Amino acid sequence: MSTISVRVPDDELAIFKSYAQLHNASLSSIIRDVMMEHIENEYDLAVFTEYEKEKTDGTLKNQPITELWKELDL
C-alpha cells in the first residue's frame, strides 16, 4: 500500500478529524472513501451525459432486456 501526503490548513484538518471521529473512522479511510465517491460520481455523470447526448442525437442504441439476458446466459 502506498502513502500520500496532503497539505491542508490547520482549521481544515480539525474539520476533517472531527468528521472522521464522528463516523468512528480513520482520517485515511474517510479521505479514501470521499475520493472514491467523488470519482464514481464524476464517472456516473459522464455516462449519463453521453446517454443523454446519444438520445438527443438519435444515435442511442438499445435492445430488449431479454437480449441482454441471453448474452449473459441468464
Protein backbone atom coordinates (compact mmCIF):
# COMPACT_ATOMS: atom_id res chain seq x y z
CA MET A 1 0.00 0.00 0.00
CA SER A 2 1.28 3.46 -0.84
CA THR A 3 1.28 6.61 1.25
CA ILE A 4 0.45 10.11 0.10
CA SER A 5 0.76 13.42 1.90
CA VAL A 6 -1.72 16.22 1.67
CA ARG A 7 -1.10 19.69 2.99
CA VAL A 8 -4.12 21.38 4.50
CA PRO A 9 -4.61 24.41 6.70
CA ASP A 10 -4.93 23.60 10.41
CA ASP A 11 -8.57 24.69 10.54
CA GLU A 12 -9.49 22.30 7.72
CA LEU A 13 -7.55 19.47 9.37
CA ALA A 14 -9.58 20.00 12.53
CA ILE A 15 -12.79 19.68 10.49
CA PHE A 16 -11.52 16.51 8.78
CA LYS A 17 -10.53 14.94 12.09
CA SER A 18 -13.86 15.82 13.69
CA TYR A 19 -15.71 14.29 10.75
CA ALA A 20 -13.65 11.10 10.97
CA GLN A 21 -14.23 10.87 14.71
CA LEU A 22 -17.96 11.46 14.25
CA HIS A 23 -18.06 8.49 11.86
CA ASN A 24 -15.74 6.38 14.03
CA ALA A 25 -13.26 6.03 11.17
CA SER A 26 -9.66 6.88 10.49
CA LEU A 27 -8.81 10.06 8.65
CA SER A 28 -7.17 7.95 5.93
CA SER A 29 -10.28 5.86 5.34
CA ILE A 30 -12.51 8.95 5.25
CA ILE A 31 -10.28 10.67 2.69
CA ARG A 32 -10.01 7.49 0.60
CA ASP A 33 -13.79 6.92 0.68
CA VAL A 34 -14.61 10.51 -0.22
CA MET A 35 -12.15 10.49 -3.13
CA MET A 36 -13.57 7.23 -4.49
CA GLU A 37 -17.12 8.54 -4.15
CA HIS A 38 -16.16 11.72 -5.99
CA ILE A 39 -14.56 9.73 -8.82
CA GLU A 40 -17.60 7.44 -9.06
CA ASN A 41 -19.97 10.41 -9.17
CA GLU A 42 -17.94 12.06 -11.91
CA TYR A 43 -17.92 8.82 -13.93
CA ASP A 44 -21.68 8.36 -13.46
CA LEU A 45 -22.28 11.91 -14.64
CA ALA A 46 -20.12 11.34 -17.73
CA VAL A 47 -22.02 8.14 -18.59
CA PHE A 48 -25.37 9.85 -18.08
CA THR A 49 -24.28 12.86 -20.15
CA GLU A 50 -23.20 10.58 -23.00
CA TYR A 51 -26.52 8.71 -22.78
CA GLU A 52 -28.49 11.95 -22.94
CA LYS A 53 -26.39 13.16 -25.90
CA GLU A 54 -26.96 9.93 -27.83
CA LYS A 55 -30.68 10.04 -27.01
CA THR A 56 -30.92 13.64 -28.23
CA ASP A 57 -28.86 12.95 -31.36
CA GLY A 58 -30.91 9.87 -32.18
CA THR A 59 -27.82 7.65 -32.07
CA LEU A 60 -28.76 5.75 -28.91
CA LYS A 61 -28.65 2.01 -29.44
CA ASN A 62 -30.58 -0.18 -27.07
CA GLN A 63 -32.04 -3.65 -27.03
CA PRO A 64 -34.69 -5.53 -25.08
CA ILE A 65 -33.60 -6.82 -21.68
CA THR A 66 -34.27 -10.37 -22.86
CA GLU A 67 -31.44 -9.98 -25.38
CA LEU A 68 -29.08 -8.95 -22.58
CA TRP A 69 -30.13 -11.96 -20.54
CA LYS A 70 -29.34 -14.24 -23.47
CA GLU A 71 -25.98 -12.55 -23.95
CA LEU A 72 -25.19 -13.07 -20.24
CA ASP A 73 -26.57 -16.61 -20.34
CA LEU A 74 -29.16 -15.90 -17.64
